Protein backbone atom coordinates (compact mmCIF):
# COMPACT_ATOMS: atom_id res chain seq x y z
CA MET A 1 37.15 -29.18 -19.71
CA ASN A 2 37.53 -31.44 -22.74
CA GLU A 3 34.96 -32.61 -24.96
CA ALA A 4 34.41 -35.65 -23.45
CA SER A 5 33.99 -34.26 -19.94
CA ALA A 6 31.39 -31.81 -21.45
CA SER A 7 29.57 -34.20 -23.00
CA GLY A 8 29.46 -36.65 -19.88
CA ARG A 9 28.06 -33.60 -17.70
CA GLU A 10 25.25 -32.71 -20.12
CA ALA A 11 24.45 -36.23 -20.22
CA PHE A 12 24.27 -36.30 -16.33
CA TYR A 13 22.51 -33.08 -16.35
CA GLU A 14 19.75 -34.98 -18.64
CA ARG A 15 19.49 -38.17 -16.35
CA LEU A 16 18.86 -36.00 -13.53
CA ASP A 17 15.99 -33.91 -15.22
CA ALA A 18 14.31 -37.06 -15.94
CA ARG A 19 14.15 -37.46 -12.42
CA SER A 20 12.90 -33.97 -11.69
CA MET A 21 16.11 -33.05 -10.40
CA ALA A 22 18.77 -30.28 -11.27
CA PRO A 23 22.47 -29.18 -10.27
CA LEU A 24 22.44 -26.22 -7.73
CA TRP A 25 25.62 -25.03 -9.33
CA THR A 26 24.06 -24.18 -12.63
CA ARG A 27 21.37 -22.04 -11.03
CA LEU A 28 23.06 -20.74 -7.95
CA LYS A 29 23.83 -17.10 -9.01
CA ALA A 30 20.39 -16.69 -10.39
CA LEU A 31 18.84 -18.01 -7.00
CA VAL A 32 21.04 -16.10 -4.77
CA PRO A 33 22.23 -13.07 -6.71
CA LYS A 34 24.43 -10.38 -5.04
CA ASP A 35 21.94 -7.98 -5.06
CA PRO A 36 18.09 -7.59 -5.54
CA THR A 37 16.84 -7.21 -8.99
CA PRO A 38 14.18 -4.46 -8.80
CA VAL A 39 10.63 -6.12 -9.59
CA GLY A 40 8.46 -4.02 -12.06
CA VAL A 41 9.34 -0.32 -13.15
CA PRO A 42 8.48 3.37 -12.06
CA CYS A 43 5.00 4.42 -13.04
CA LEU A 44 3.02 7.50 -12.50
CA TRP A 45 -0.79 7.66 -12.52
CA ARG A 46 -1.76 11.15 -12.90
CA TYR A 47 -5.42 11.48 -11.23
CA ASP A 48 -6.44 14.29 -13.72
CA GLU A 49 -5.95 11.90 -16.75
CA VAL A 50 -7.16 8.67 -14.95
CA ARG A 51 -10.29 10.25 -13.27
CA PRO A 52 -12.64 10.23 -16.10
CA TYR A 53 -11.97 6.51 -16.70
CA VAL A 54 -12.64 5.78 -12.69
CA MET A 55 -16.01 8.00 -13.33
CA GLU A 56 -16.80 6.32 -16.60
CA SER A 57 -16.74 2.82 -14.72
CA ALA A 58 -20.08 3.76 -12.84
CA GLU A 59 -21.70 3.82 -16.18
CA HIS A 60 -20.76 0.33 -17.19
CA ILE A 61 -21.49 -1.64 -13.78
CA SER A 62 -22.86 -0.76 -10.12
CA ALA A 63 -21.09 -1.24 -7.14
CA ARG A 64 -23.48 -3.98 -6.33
CA GLU A 65 -22.78 -5.96 -9.50
CA ALA A 66 -19.10 -5.42 -9.38
CA GLU A 67 -18.80 -6.04 -5.53
CA ARG A 68 -16.21 -3.84 -5.53
CA ARG A 69 -15.86 -1.28 -8.50
CA VAL A 70 -12.04 -0.75 -8.78
CA LEU A 71 -9.71 0.32 -11.43
CA ILE A 72 -6.40 -1.98 -10.73
CA LEU A 73 -3.08 0.26 -11.19
CA GLU A 74 -1.07 -2.47 -12.54
CA ASN A 75 2.68 -2.01 -13.08
CA PRO A 76 3.53 -1.86 -16.74
CA ALA A 77 6.34 -4.41 -16.13
CA LEU A 78 3.98 -6.83 -14.65
CA ARG A 79 0.92 -6.67 -16.81
CA GLY A 80 -1.62 -9.42 -16.06
CA SER A 81 -0.67 -9.91 -12.75
CA SER A 82 -2.94 -7.43 -11.01
CA GLN A 83 0.53 -6.46 -9.00
CA VAL A 84 1.90 -2.77 -8.59
CA THR A 85 5.01 -4.30 -6.68
CA GLY A 86 6.25 -7.84 -6.58
CA THR A 87 4.19 -8.28 -3.27
CA LEU A 88 1.40 -5.36 -3.38
CA TYR A 89 -1.96 -4.76 -5.37
CA ALA A 90 -3.37 -1.38 -5.64
CA GLY A 91 -6.19 0.36 -7.10
CA LEU A 92 -8.76 3.12 -7.29
CA GLN A 93 -12.35 2.43 -5.94
CA LEU A 94 -15.41 4.63 -6.68
CA ILE A 95 -18.80 4.28 -4.84
CA MET A 96 -21.40 6.57 -6.10
CA PRO A 97 -24.09 8.37 -4.02
CA GLY A 98 -26.64 5.87 -2.53
CA GLU A 99 -24.67 2.75 -3.49
CA ILE A 100 -23.39 0.08 -1.32
CA ALA A 101 -20.66 -2.29 -1.98
CA PRO A 102 -21.91 -5.38 -0.48
CA ALA A 103 -20.09 -6.98 2.71
CA HIS A 104 -17.56 -9.64 2.48
CA ARG A 105 -14.48 -10.80 4.43
CA HIS A 106 -11.10 -12.20 3.17
CA THR A 107 -7.58 -13.04 4.63
CA GLN A 108 -5.72 -10.40 2.85
CA SER A 109 -5.46 -7.22 4.51
CA ALA A 110 -6.57 -3.87 3.18
CA LEU A 111 -5.98 -0.17 3.41
CA ARG A 112 -7.89 2.78 2.24
CA PHE A 113 -6.39 6.00 1.58
CA VAL A 114 -9.22 8.57 0.50
CA ILE A 115 -8.50 10.42 -2.61
CA GLU A 116 -11.56 12.57 -3.12
CA GLY A 117 -15.12 13.22 -1.95
CA SER A 118 -16.96 13.44 1.35
CA GLY A 119 -20.04 11.54 2.84
CA ALA A 120 -19.03 7.83 2.29
CA TYR A 121 -18.30 5.49 4.92
CA THR A 122 -16.62 1.91 5.28
CA ALA A 123 -17.95 -0.35 7.88
CA VAL A 124 -15.17 -2.53 9.35
CA ASP A 125 -15.82 -5.48 12.02
CA GLY A 126 -19.04 -4.00 13.28
CA GLU A 127 -18.17 -0.17 13.31
CA LYS A 128 -19.02 2.43 10.70
CA THR A 129 -16.43 5.27 10.06
CA LEU A 130 -17.07 8.47 7.98
CA MET A 131 -14.29 8.97 5.10
CA GLN A 132 -12.70 12.27 4.31
CA PRO A 133 -9.95 13.26 1.88
CA GLY A 134 -6.31 12.15 3.33
CA ASP A 135 -7.82 9.74 5.94
CA PHE A 136 -5.92 6.43 6.15
CA VAL A 137 -8.21 3.47 6.92
CA ILE A 138 -7.33 -0.11 7.79
CA THR A 139 -9.54 -3.23 6.98
CA PRO A 140 -7.77 -6.17 8.93
CA GLY A 141 -7.79 -9.53 7.22
CA TRP A 142 -10.72 -11.85 8.00
CA THR A 143 -13.18 -8.71 9.30
CA TRP A 144 -16.43 -8.26 7.56
CA HIS A 145 -16.47 -4.89 5.85
CA HIS A 146 -18.69 -3.06 3.28
CA HIS A 147 -18.86 0.48 1.87
CA GLY A 148 -21.71 3.06 1.37
CA ASN A 149 -22.13 6.59 0.20
CA ASP A 150 -24.71 8.57 1.68
CA GLY A 151 -23.25 11.85 0.46
CA ASN A 152 -24.05 13.62 -2.84
CA GLY A 153 -21.30 13.06 -5.02
CA PRO A 154 -18.91 10.56 -5.79
CA MET A 155 -16.31 9.00 -3.61
CA VAL A 156 -12.61 7.82 -4.57
CA TRP A 157 -10.01 6.28 -2.62
CA LEU A 158 -6.78 4.30 -3.19
CA ASP A 159 -7.17 0.52 -2.17
CA GLY A 160 -4.07 -1.22 -1.15
CA LEU A 161 -3.93 -4.80 -0.39
CA ASP A 162 -1.32 -7.83 0.16
CA ILE A 163 -3.08 -10.10 -2.33
CA PRO A 164 0.19 -11.07 -3.95
CA MET A 165 1.86 -11.65 -0.72
CA VAL A 166 -1.10 -13.96 0.73
CA ALA A 167 -1.08 -15.68 -2.55
CA HIS A 168 2.56 -16.39 -2.48
CA TYR A 169 1.76 -18.63 0.71
CA ASN A 170 -1.31 -20.18 -0.58
CA ALA A 171 -3.50 -18.63 2.12
CA THR A 172 -6.14 -16.99 0.14
CA PHE A 173 -9.76 -17.41 1.58
CA ARG A 174 -12.92 -15.26 1.29
CA GLU A 175 -16.51 -15.63 2.38
CA ASP A 176 -19.72 -13.32 1.26
CA HIS A 177 -21.80 -12.21 4.12
CA HIS A 178 -25.50 -13.10 3.77
CA GLU A 179 -26.66 -9.46 3.93
CA GLU A 180 -25.51 -6.71 1.59
CA ALA A 181 -24.45 -4.77 4.66
CA ALA A 182 -22.91 -6.43 7.85
CA GLU A 183 -24.31 -5.29 11.44
CA ILE A 184 -23.13 -2.31 13.06
CA THR A 185 -22.58 -3.13 16.57
CA ARG A 186 -20.76 -0.19 17.79
CA PRO A 187 -21.01 3.86 17.39
CA THR A 188 -19.28 5.72 14.85
CA GLY A 189 -15.95 6.96 16.41
CA ASP A 190 -15.63 4.34 19.11
CA ALA A 191 -12.01 2.77 18.01
CA LEU A 192 -10.80 6.47 17.98
CA ALA A 193 -12.24 7.38 21.31
CA ARG A 194 -10.93 4.01 22.91
CA TYR A 195 -7.60 3.81 21.61
CA GLY A 196 -6.84 7.00 19.93
CA ALA A 197 -6.09 9.56 22.54
CA GLY A 198 -2.88 7.80 24.22
CA LEU A 199 -5.46 5.76 26.29
CA LEU A 200 -6.26 2.10 26.21
CA PRO A 201 -9.04 0.39 28.04
CA VAL A 202 -7.90 -1.33 31.38
CA GLY A 203 -7.56 -5.07 30.73
CA TYR A 204 -7.28 -4.71 26.82
CA ARG A 205 -5.95 -7.46 25.03
CA ALA A 206 -5.20 -7.46 21.50
CA ALA A 207 -7.10 -9.78 19.11
CA SER A 208 -4.62 -9.16 16.12
CA GLN A 209 -1.57 -7.66 15.07
CA ASN A 210 -3.55 -4.93 13.53
CA SER A 211 -4.07 -1.38 15.31
CA PRO A 212 -7.45 -1.19 16.98
CA ILE A 213 -7.63 2.15 15.32
CA PHE A 214 -8.89 1.84 11.67
CA ASN A 215 -9.35 5.48 10.91
CA TYR A 216 -6.41 7.59 11.26
CA PRO A 217 -7.98 11.17 10.17
CA TYR A 218 -5.84 13.30 7.94
CA ALA A 219 -6.72 16.45 10.29
CA ARG A 220 -4.79 14.96 13.09
CA THR A 221 -1.78 13.76 10.89
CA ARG A 222 -1.35 16.99 9.23
CA GLU A 223 -1.06 18.83 12.61
CA ALA A 224 1.41 16.25 13.80
CA LEU A 225 3.35 16.95 10.42
CA HIS A 226 3.50 20.64 10.78
CA ALA A 227 4.75 20.40 14.57
CA LEU A 228 7.81 18.42 13.03
CA THR A 229 8.72 21.46 10.89
CA ARG A 230 8.99 23.38 14.12
CA ALA A 231 11.48 20.71 15.64
CA GLY A 232 14.16 20.61 13.14
CA ASP A 233 15.31 20.12 9.73
CA PRO A 234 13.92 17.03 7.66
CA ASP A 235 16.08 13.95 6.98
CA PRO A 236 18.20 14.84 3.88
CA HIS A 237 16.86 11.66 2.27
CA VAL A 238 13.43 11.06 3.24
CA GLY A 239 11.98 14.31 4.72
CA HIS A 240 10.07 14.46 7.71
CA LEU A 241 8.72 10.64 7.73
CA MET A 242 6.39 9.44 10.12
CA ARG A 243 4.62 5.94 10.18
CA TYR A 244 0.85 5.11 11.54
CA VAL A 245 1.54 3.16 14.62
CA ASN A 246 -0.33 0.75 16.53
CA PRO A 247 -1.13 2.16 19.76
CA VAL A 248 -0.81 -0.98 21.90
CA ASP A 249 2.54 -2.10 21.30
CA GLY A 250 4.14 0.96 19.27
CA GLY A 251 4.46 -1.24 16.06
CA TRP A 252 3.41 -0.63 12.78
CA ALA A 253 -0.39 -0.14 12.32
CA MET A 254 -0.60 -3.23 9.94
CA PRO A 255 1.49 -6.55 9.99
CA THR A 256 1.95 -6.71 6.47
CA MET A 257 1.82 -3.51 4.79
CA ALA A 258 3.75 -0.37 6.21
CA PRO A 259 1.77 2.93 6.05
CA MET A 260 3.79 6.03 6.27
CA ILE A 261 3.31 9.70 5.45
CA ARG A 262 6.05 12.45 5.17
CA LEU A 263 6.05 15.96 4.66
CA LEU A 264 8.65 17.35 2.21
CA PRO A 265 9.26 21.29 2.71
CA LYS A 266 9.09 23.60 -0.09
CA GLY A 267 12.44 23.58 -1.71
CA PHE A 268 13.32 20.14 -0.56
CA ASP A 269 15.98 18.60 -2.76
CA GLY A 270 16.29 15.14 -1.37
CA LEU A 271 19.55 12.89 -1.77
CA PRO A 272 19.13 9.32 -3.44
CA PHE A 273 17.87 6.61 -1.34
CA ARG A 274 16.80 2.87 -1.91
CA SER A 275 15.29 0.28 0.23
CA THR A 276 14.40 -3.17 -0.51
CA ASP A 277 10.59 -2.48 -0.23
CA GLY A 278 8.67 -1.38 -3.37
CA MET A 279 6.76 1.63 -2.23
CA VAL A 280 3.48 3.40 -3.71
CA PHE A 281 3.10 6.99 -2.94
CA VAL A 282 0.21 9.22 -3.04
CA CYS A 283 0.42 13.21 -3.41
CA VAL A 284 -1.90 14.48 -0.77
CA GLU A 285 -0.97 18.19 -1.29
CA GLY A 286 1.76 20.06 -2.68
CA GLY A 287 3.86 18.78 -5.67
CA GLY A 288 7.22 18.02 -6.86
CA SER A 289 9.08 15.18 -8.69
CA VAL A 290 10.67 11.91 -8.01
CA GLU A 291 14.04 11.00 -9.80
CA VAL A 292 14.04 7.26 -10.34
CA GLY A 293 15.23 4.95 -12.98
CA GLY A 294 16.88 7.24 -15.23
CA GLU A 295 13.66 9.58 -15.28
CA ARG A 296 12.09 12.61 -13.56
CA LEU A 297 8.38 12.08 -12.79
CA THR A 298 6.73 15.19 -11.67
CA PHE A 299 3.50 14.90 -9.28
CA GLY A 300 0.65 16.84 -8.04
CA PRO A 301 -2.26 16.45 -5.40
CA ARG A 302 -3.85 12.92 -5.95
CA ASP A 303 -1.16 11.61 -8.30
CA VAL A 304 -0.35 8.14 -7.38
CA PHE A 305 3.26 6.58 -8.46
CA VAL A 306 5.46 3.44 -7.43
CA VAL A 307 9.14 2.82 -6.96
CA PRO A 308 10.19 -0.48 -7.33
CA GLY A 309 12.25 -1.87 -4.53
CA TRP A 310 16.29 -1.15 -4.51
CA MET A 311 15.56 1.34 -7.11
CA ALA A 312 17.45 4.60 -5.92
CA TYR A 313 15.26 7.37 -5.83
CA ARG A 314 15.29 11.23 -4.75
CA LEU A 315 12.36 13.41 -3.95
CA ARG A 316 12.02 17.10 -4.51
CA ALA A 317 9.12 19.36 -3.60
CA GLY A 318 8.24 23.01 -5.18
CA ALA A 319 5.94 23.69 -2.29
CA ASP A 320 5.17 22.09 1.29
CA THR A 321 4.41 18.72 0.10
CA VAL A 322 2.71 15.58 1.79
CA LEU A 323 3.01 12.21 0.49
CA PHE A 324 1.31 9.18 1.83
CA SER A 325 3.11 5.96 0.91
CA PHE A 326 2.61 2.07 1.81
CA SER A 327 5.04 -0.98 1.06
CA ASP A 328 5.92 -4.33 2.44
CA ARG A 329 8.47 -2.98 4.83
CA VAL A 330 7.16 -4.20 8.02
CA ALA A 331 6.94 -7.78 6.89
CA GLN A 332 10.48 -7.68 5.61
CA GLU A 333 11.54 -6.16 8.93
CA LYS A 334 9.90 -8.82 10.91
CA LEU A 335 11.59 -11.62 8.76
CA GLY A 336 15.00 -9.77 8.81
CA PHE A 337 15.08 -8.99 5.15
CA TYR A 338 14.77 -5.19 5.01
CA ARG A 339 17.69 -3.22 3.96
CA GLU A 340 18.09 0.52 3.05
CA GLU A 341 20.99 2.59 1.53
CA ARG A 342 21.57 6.08 1.84
CA LEU A 343 23.57 7.56 -1.09
CA GLU A 344 25.37 10.71 -2.01
CA ALA A 345 24.22 12.68 -4.78
């Protein structure tokens, strides 16, 4: 291209800019790259190191004043965004004995994975459920919910929400309840009794895309994982990997977040794997390491770590290890975006 042509082209671009227009050909490769660029970086939060900060937060603010006393787990590459991945939020919530975190509702869906303590509860859409370590609890979008602690010690769980995803669609709404605690209309354990035994009430019609079960007790989950070890070898890339299921249609338990749990047998040395969904992990029991982004992160019980989407990682286990995880895989699958790649060592 000669100098005159280049000058004319730049002048054309300037005239376009003045009309709030731009030439696609100057941005095409950035808009539609050959491969995804991972959002964020790998990060590990060791529970023994962050727990003192979680506990100290109770000295500075009450659950009532804070509404939700949570320390955000923010990806180091996304500081200021309150994001752990490009589409997800994560934080550690603390509720002390005798406290109530006031009732509210919002369009964002939430999940809880219990890290520490017993005796606390969450009440969702008129039903209270007690929470124990390892339990996975769903709070569907736009359902009234509050938390309380009738136990003798602190209770900590991991919060996972689709806040960035909902914000992307500008569909964020919230409402505070007029009472501190929303009304309880069903007995404790009702949802699990009705929907959690391979049975459904005759005439049942789903009111949402969420599972009608909102507490998946760890005792049942662990028993199922143990049974898998007798049925065959683990997948060489991901181990014995299971998803929490909606018993109504067999789909994912939630419409925007994909909760999963896996067992890695002692000595598991996984092959590299990557997928388009950024994933947040919690070590429930055991311990091992994840090799990702050129570094090796070692983890133990109650540690949390994140692996960005489309970044290859491999898992290793020094003992029988259980990992809970969640990602936006279910949303990607519904939209036809999800892709995974099984790599060689």
